[in-house]
């Protein structure tokens, strides 16, 4: 792998400065710095790529630094931002694109091909039909916001002979948000983000760990996962215990091709994401690309259920 340093630059936007001045007590530079980080998706960044100094860069874990250059006063009225991250790149991968994925910055829209459903009786599409009294109904996009995330599983759904690997998020220790997507661990990325402001509040450091949730053993080298339980292989059991994390869901967006669910507790954020711009492992059996079928929609598939015991 080659390692590149990607640097994004921007001015502190007027809408952040205006918000700082509009408060009863004008905001300090620490507020400008933190808001620039949390609102980074709305900022117009200009990126450039250079070779990074030689070091052992993890393909999944990244040290990020955000610097604020502004007048050395408590309440500056202007400033510029520099956001830097080192990324390890596989052959043919775009360092700027990977940096944007790691930092959760907007990327150019990607239209992935859609598979055509075959007439074979076992080919039933990407999503399962969940049955039984556990189902409450479709989930509205605003329902998860401000609820506490208390559990996550990618092993939901049984057809009587085994599991089908659906993903579910429990809220407030009760109902579950369910994405009835078969083998969902190979579709969904999870990012852990923890920030640490410098004492003088002119910079902010972030530790970002971004991995696919699960993958077949023959693709471990390309997709280091959060969880791996295959017999004969070293186990990886890094998924968090959300009962302990006590993170509150702050963001949920879903489209036809994917979704983002983000939960935060203080300086730590957890972000589940799926979309066409995020790399996906191929199917281990057929060796075919992991694509949705024509006419399928992730946004339309989300359900609310009373519990995690799902019949499909």
Protein backbone atom coordinates (compact mmCIF):
# COMPACT_ATOMS: atom_id res chain seq x y z
CA UNK A 1 0.00 0.00 0.00
CA UNK A 2 1.05 3.61 -0.63
CA UNK A 3 0.39 6.30 1.97
CA UNK A 4 -0.73 9.81 1.06
CA UNK A 5 -1.40 12.92 3.10
CA UNK A 6 -4.63 14.62 2.08
CA UNK A 7 -5.08 18.24 3.13
CA UNK A 8 -8.40 20.09 2.91
CA UNK A 9 -8.52 23.87 3.26
CA UNK A 10 -11.40 26.32 3.70
CA UNK A 11 -12.37 29.62 5.26
CA UNK A 12 -14.54 29.54 8.35
CA UNK A 13 -17.97 30.00 6.70
CA UNK A 14 -19.96 33.16 7.32
CA UNK A 15 -22.90 31.12 8.62
CA UNK A 16 -20.71 29.74 11.44
CA UNK A 17 -19.34 33.22 12.24
CA UNK A 18 -22.86 34.68 12.15
CA UNK A 19 -24.12 32.03 14.56
CA UNK A 20 -21.23 32.81 16.91
CA UNK A 21 -22.11 36.53 16.95
CA UNK A 22 -25.86 35.97 17.23
CA UNK A 23 -25.59 34.34 20.66
CA UNK A 24 -26.28 36.39 23.79
CA UNK A 25 -22.71 35.61 24.80
CA UNK A 26 -20.50 35.65 21.66
CA UNK A 27 -18.78 32.32 21.10
CA UNK A 28 -15.08 31.74 21.63
CA UNK A 29 -12.59 30.22 19.19
CA UNK A 30 -13.10 26.82 20.87
CA UNK A 31 -16.72 26.98 19.69
CA UNK A 32 -15.65 27.96 16.16
CA UNK A 33 -13.27 25.02 16.08
CA UNK A 34 -15.75 22.43 17.34
CA UNK A 35 -18.59 23.68 15.14
CA UNK A 36 -16.32 23.61 12.09
CA UNK A 37 -15.64 19.95 12.88
CA UNK A 38 -19.22 18.90 13.54
CA UNK A 39 -20.53 20.89 10.54
CA UNK A 40 -17.67 19.87 8.24
CA UNK A 41 -20.03 18.24 5.75
CA UNK A 42 -21.52 21.69 4.99
CA UNK A 43 -18.17 23.42 4.43
CA UNK A 44 -16.76 23.86 0.93
CA UNK A 45 -13.31 22.27 1.17
CA UNK A 46 -10.53 22.36 -1.39
CA UNK A 47 -8.37 19.26 -1.21
CA UNK A 48 -4.85 18.44 -2.29
CA UNK A 49 -2.81 15.23 -2.13
CA UNK A 50 0.87 14.74 -1.29
CA UNK A 51 3.00 11.72 -0.39
CA UNK A 52 3.08 11.22 3.38
CA UNK A 53 6.33 10.75 5.30
CA UNK A 54 7.16 7.01 5.57
CA UNK A 55 5.30 5.35 8.43
CA UNK A 56 3.13 2.33 9.10
CA UNK A 57 -0.32 3.71 8.28
CA UNK A 58 -3.30 1.54 9.22
CA UNK A 59 -5.80 1.04 6.38
CA UNK A 60 -8.68 1.47 8.86
CA UNK A 61 -7.52 3.74 11.69
CA UNK A 62 -6.63 7.37 11.05
CA UNK A 63 -5.25 10.29 13.04
CA UNK A 64 -6.91 13.51 11.86
CA UNK A 65 -5.99 17.09 12.69
CA UNK A 66 -8.10 20.23 12.24
CA UNK A 67 -6.28 23.56 12.61
CA UNK A 68 -7.90 26.97 13.02
CA UNK A 69 -5.84 29.97 11.88
CA UNK A 70 -7.43 33.15 13.24
CA UNK A 71 -6.59 36.29 15.24
CA UNK A 72 -5.29 35.30 18.65
CA UNK A 73 -8.28 36.62 20.53
CA UNK A 74 -10.95 34.82 22.50
CA UNK A 75 -13.71 35.77 20.03
CA UNK A 76 -12.27 36.00 16.51
CA UNK A 77 -14.50 37.18 13.64
CA UNK A 78 -12.64 35.45 10.81
CA UNK A 79 -10.42 32.44 10.26
CA UNK A 80 -9.24 29.67 7.97
CA UNK A 81 -9.31 25.90 8.45
CA UNK A 82 -6.88 23.13 7.53
CA UNK A 83 -7.99 19.49 7.83
CA UNK A 84 -5.31 16.81 7.34
CA UNK A 85 -5.41 13.00 7.28
CA UNK A 86 -3.04 10.24 6.08
CA UNK A 87 -4.61 7.39 4.12
CA UNK A 88 -3.19 4.05 2.98
CA UNK A 89 -4.28 3.31 -0.58
CA UNK A 90 -4.68 0.03 -2.45
CA UNK A 91 -3.69 -0.05 -6.11
CA UNK A 92 -6.15 1.95 -8.19
CA UNK A 93 -7.80 3.63 -5.20
CA UNK A 94 -8.24 7.42 -5.13
CA UNK A 95 -6.61 8.96 -2.01
CA UNK A 96 -8.86 12.03 -2.12
CA UNK A 97 -11.96 9.83 -2.32
CA UNK A 98 -10.84 7.65 0.58
CA UNK A 99 -10.03 10.72 2.68
CA UNK A 100 -13.54 12.05 2.07
CA UNK A 101 -15.00 8.68 3.13
CA UNK A 102 -12.92 8.61 6.31
CA UNK A 103 -13.90 12.19 7.20
CA UNK A 104 -17.56 11.77 6.18
CA UNK A 105 -17.32 14.61 3.67
CA UNK A 106 -19.69 14.76 0.67
CA UNK A 107 -18.49 12.73 -2.29
CA UNK A 108 -19.37 12.74 -5.94
CA UNK A 109 -22.56 10.76 -6.50
CA UNK A 110 -21.88 7.20 -7.65
CA UNK A 111 -24.50 5.22 -9.53
CA UNK A 112 -23.75 1.56 -8.96
CA UNK A 113 -25.13 -1.03 -11.38
CA UNK A 114 -28.22 -2.90 -10.27
CA UNK A 115 -28.56 -6.64 -10.57
CA UNK A 116 -31.47 -8.16 -12.45
CA UNK A 117 -33.58 -10.59 -10.47
CA UNK A 118 -33.48 -14.04 -12.06
CA UNK A 119 -36.52 -16.31 -12.35
CA UNK A 120 -34.89 -18.89 -10.07
CA UNK A 121 -37.15 -19.58 -7.05
CA UNK A 122 -34.27 -19.12 -4.56
CA UNK A 123 -33.33 -15.71 -5.97
CA UNK A 124 -35.62 -13.46 -3.92
CA UNK A 125 -33.72 -10.19 -3.95
CA UNK A 126 -31.59 -8.37 -1.38
CA UNK A 127 -34.28 -7.84 1.25
CA UNK A 128 -36.26 -10.30 3.34
CA UNK A 129 -39.93 -10.11 4.14
CA UNK A 130 -40.17 -10.08 7.94
CA UNK A 131 -43.26 -11.85 9.31
CA UNK A 132 -44.87 -12.37 12.69
CA UNK A 133 -46.36 -10.33 15.50
CA UNK A 134 -43.03 -8.65 16.26
CA UNK A 135 -43.43 -6.28 13.29
CA UNK A 136 -44.85 -2.84 14.13
CA UNK A 137 -44.59 -1.39 10.62
CA UNK A 138 -42.47 0.91 8.42
CA UNK A 139 -40.18 3.36 10.23
CA UNK A 140 -40.47 7.10 9.68
CA UNK A 141 -37.12 8.94 9.24
CA UNK A 142 -37.62 11.16 12.29
CA UNK A 143 -38.45 8.31 14.70
CA UNK A 144 -34.87 7.42 15.80
CA UNK A 145 -33.68 10.98 16.51
CA UNK A 146 -32.85 11.66 20.20
CA UNK A 147 -33.38 8.03 21.22
CA UNK A 148 -30.62 6.13 23.01
CA UNK A 149 -28.95 3.35 21.01
CA UNK A 150 -28.79 0.37 23.39
CA UNK A 151 -27.89 -2.56 21.10
CA UNK A 152 -26.86 -3.53 17.59
CA UNK A 153 -26.87 -6.93 15.87
CA UNK A 154 -26.23 -8.12 12.32
CA UNK A 155 -27.39 -11.67 13.03
CA UNK A 156 -31.16 -11.17 13.03
CA UNK A 157 -33.78 -13.14 11.12
CA UNK A 158 -34.45 -16.87 11.07
CA UNK A 159 -36.14 -19.07 8.48
CA UNK A 160 -36.16 -22.11 10.77
CA UNK A 161 -32.86 -23.57 9.59
CA UNK A 162 -30.53 -20.69 10.43
CA UNK A 163 -30.01 -16.93 10.27
CA UNK A 164 -30.04 -14.60 7.29
CA UNK A 165 -27.91 -11.79 8.74
CA UNK A 166 -30.30 -8.85 9.02
CA UNK A 167 -29.20 -5.73 10.92
CA UNK A 168 -31.09 -4.19 13.82
CA UNK A 169 -30.59 -1.28 16.22
CA UNK A 170 -32.38 -1.27 19.57
CA UNK A 171 -33.54 2.07 20.96
CA UNK A 172 -34.15 2.90 24.63
CA UNK A 173 -33.90 -0.78 25.54
CA UNK A 174 -37.16 -1.51 23.70
CA UNK A 175 -38.15 -1.44 20.03
CA UNK A 176 -35.77 -2.24 17.18
CA UNK A 177 -34.99 -0.47 13.92
CA UNK A 178 -34.52 -3.28 11.40
CA UNK A 179 -32.94 -3.24 7.96
CA UNK A 180 -34.04 -6.58 6.48
CA UNK A 181 -31.00 -6.83 4.18
CA UNK A 182 -29.52 -10.30 3.72
CA UNK A 183 -25.91 -10.62 4.84
CA UNK A 184 -25.99 -7.00 5.98
CA UNK A 185 -22.58 -7.09 7.68
CA UNK A 186 -20.89 -7.04 4.26
CA UNK A 187 -22.85 -3.97 3.15
CA UNK A 188 -22.51 -1.69 6.18
CA UNK A 189 -19.51 0.33 7.38
CA UNK A 190 -19.14 1.44 11.00
CA UNK A 191 -17.00 4.43 11.98
CA UNK A 192 -15.88 5.30 15.50
CA UNK A 193 -14.84 8.93 15.88
CA UNK A 194 -13.31 10.47 19.01
CA UNK A 195 -12.09 14.07 19.19
CA UNK A 196 -9.64 15.77 21.55
CA UNK A 197 -9.33 19.59 21.37
CA UNK A 198 -5.88 21.06 22.09
CA UNK A 199 -5.63 23.14 25.29
CA UNK A 200 -5.21 26.41 23.35
CA UNK A 201 -8.21 25.61 21.07
CA UNK A 202 -6.33 26.35 17.85
CA UNK A 203 -6.40 22.71 16.81
CA UNK A 204 -8.44 19.57 17.26
CA UNK A 205 -7.28 15.95 16.94
CA UNK A 206 -9.58 13.10 16.02
CA UNK A 207 -9.07 9.35 16.08
CA UNK A 208 -11.18 7.67 13.40
CA UNK A 209 -11.60 3.91 13.09
CA UNK A 210 -13.57 2.99 9.95
CA UNK A 211 -14.24 -0.63 9.02
CA UNK A 212 -16.79 -2.83 7.34
CA UNK A 213 -18.79 -4.74 9.94
CA UNK A 214 -18.09 -8.27 8.69
CA UNK A 215 -16.55 -10.12 5.76
CA UNK A 216 -15.84 -13.63 4.46
CA UNK A 217 -12.35 -14.98 5.36
CA UNK A 218 -11.07 -14.81 1.80
CA UNK A 219 -11.49 -11.01 1.77
CA UNK A 220 -10.00 -10.15 5.15
CA UNK A 221 -6.93 -8.54 3.60
CA UNK A 222 -8.98 -6.01 1.64
CA UNK A 223 -11.74 -5.48 4.23
CA UNK A 224 -10.53 -5.68 7.85
CA UNK A 225 -13.80 -6.06 9.82
CA UNK A 226 -15.22 -5.13 13.21
CA UNK A 227 -16.35 -8.71 13.79
CA UNK A 228 -15.12 -12.07 12.51
CA UNK A 229 -16.28 -15.39 13.94
CA UNK A 230 -15.47 -17.93 11.22
CA UNK A 231 -14.19 -21.29 12.49
CA UNK A 232 -10.50 -21.85 11.88
CA UNK A 233 -9.73 -18.12 11.78
CA UNK A 234 -8.62 -15.73 14.49
CA UNK A 235 -11.68 -14.06 15.96
CA UNK A 236 -12.17 -10.31 15.78
CA UNK A 237 -14.72 -9.07 18.32
CA UNK A 238 -14.47 -5.27 18.30
CA UNK A 239 -18.12 -4.25 18.02
CA UNK A 240 -19.04 -1.93 20.89
CA UNK A 241 -21.48 -2.68 23.68
CA UNK A 242 -23.97 0.12 23.16
CA UNK A 243 -25.50 -0.42 26.59
CA UNK A 244 -22.17 0.85 27.91
CA UNK A 245 -21.71 3.54 25.22
CA UNK A 246 -25.09 5.18 25.95
CA UNK A 247 -24.95 7.06 22.66
CA UNK A 248 -27.91 9.15 21.49
CA UNK A 249 -28.99 8.97 17.84
CA UNK A 250 -28.34 12.40 16.35
CA UNK A 251 -28.66 11.72 12.63
CA UNK A 252 -30.61 9.37 10.40
CA UNK A 253 -30.80 9.73 6.63
CA UNK A 254 -31.87 7.09 4.13
CA UNK A 255 -32.05 6.98 0.33
CA UNK A 256 -32.71 4.31 -2.25
CA UNK A 257 -29.05 3.28 -2.24
CA UNK A 258 -28.11 3.56 1.42
CA UNK A 259 -28.37 5.23 4.82
CA UNK A 260 -26.48 6.91 7.66
CA UNK A 261 -27.30 6.35 11.33
CA UNK A 262 -25.09 8.32 13.73
CA UNK A 263 -25.11 8.25 17.52
CA UNK A 264 -23.02 10.35 19.91
CA UNK A 265 -22.02 10.50 23.55
CA UNK A 266 -19.84 13.49 24.36
CA UNK A 267 -16.70 13.46 22.22
CA UNK A 268 -17.33 9.96 20.80
CA UNK A 269 -19.55 9.27 17.78
CA UNK A 270 -20.56 6.03 16.09
CA UNK A 271 -21.69 6.14 12.46
CA UNK A 272 -23.27 3.25 10.52
CA UNK A 273 -23.33 3.86 6.77
CA UNK A 274 -24.15 2.12 3.52
CA UNK A 275 -24.09 3.64 0.02
CA UNK A 276 -22.81 3.11 -3.50
CA UNK A 277 -19.61 5.13 -2.90
CA UNK A 278 -18.53 2.84 -0.04
CA UNK A 279 -16.54 -0.21 -1.22
CA UNK A 280 -18.23 -3.59 -0.80
CA UNK A 281 -16.78 -7.08 -0.77
CA UNK A 282 -18.01 -9.34 -3.56
CA UNK A 283 -20.24 -12.28 -2.73
CA UNK A 284 -18.05 -15.11 -1.46
CA UNK A 285 -20.00 -17.87 -3.21
CA UNK A 286 -20.87 -16.54 -6.66
CA UNK A 287 -17.94 -14.04 -6.81
CA UNK A 288 -20.46 -11.55 -8.19
CA UNK A 289 -20.53 -7.86 -7.18
CA UNK A 290 -22.62 -7.02 -4.13
CA UNK A 291 -25.27 -4.83 -5.79
CA UNK A 292 -28.91 -4.13 -5.03
CA UNK A 293 -31.47 -5.38 -7.50
CA UNK A 294 -33.40 -3.12 -9.83
CA UNK A 295 -36.27 -1.37 -8.08
CA UNK A 296 -35.01 -2.02 -4.54
CA UNK A 297 -34.82 0.84 -2.03
CA UNK A 298 -32.99 0.90 1.30
CA UNK A 299 -35.12 3.82 2.53
CA UNK A 300 -38.33 1.89 1.89
CA UNK A 301 -37.07 -1.24 3.65
CA UNK A 302 -36.58 0.01 7.23
CA UNK A 303 -39.00 -1.46 9.78
CA UNK A 304 -39.85 -1.04 13.44
CA UNK A 305 -40.27 -4.23 15.47
CA UNK A 306 -41.10 -4.96 19.09
CA UNK A 307 -38.06 -7.20 19.55
CA UNK A 308 -35.18 -8.82 17.67
CA UNK A 309 -36.73 -12.26 17.19
CA UNK A 310 -37.61 -12.05 13.51
CA UNK A 311 -39.14 -14.69 11.27
CA UNK A 312 -38.47 -14.42 7.54
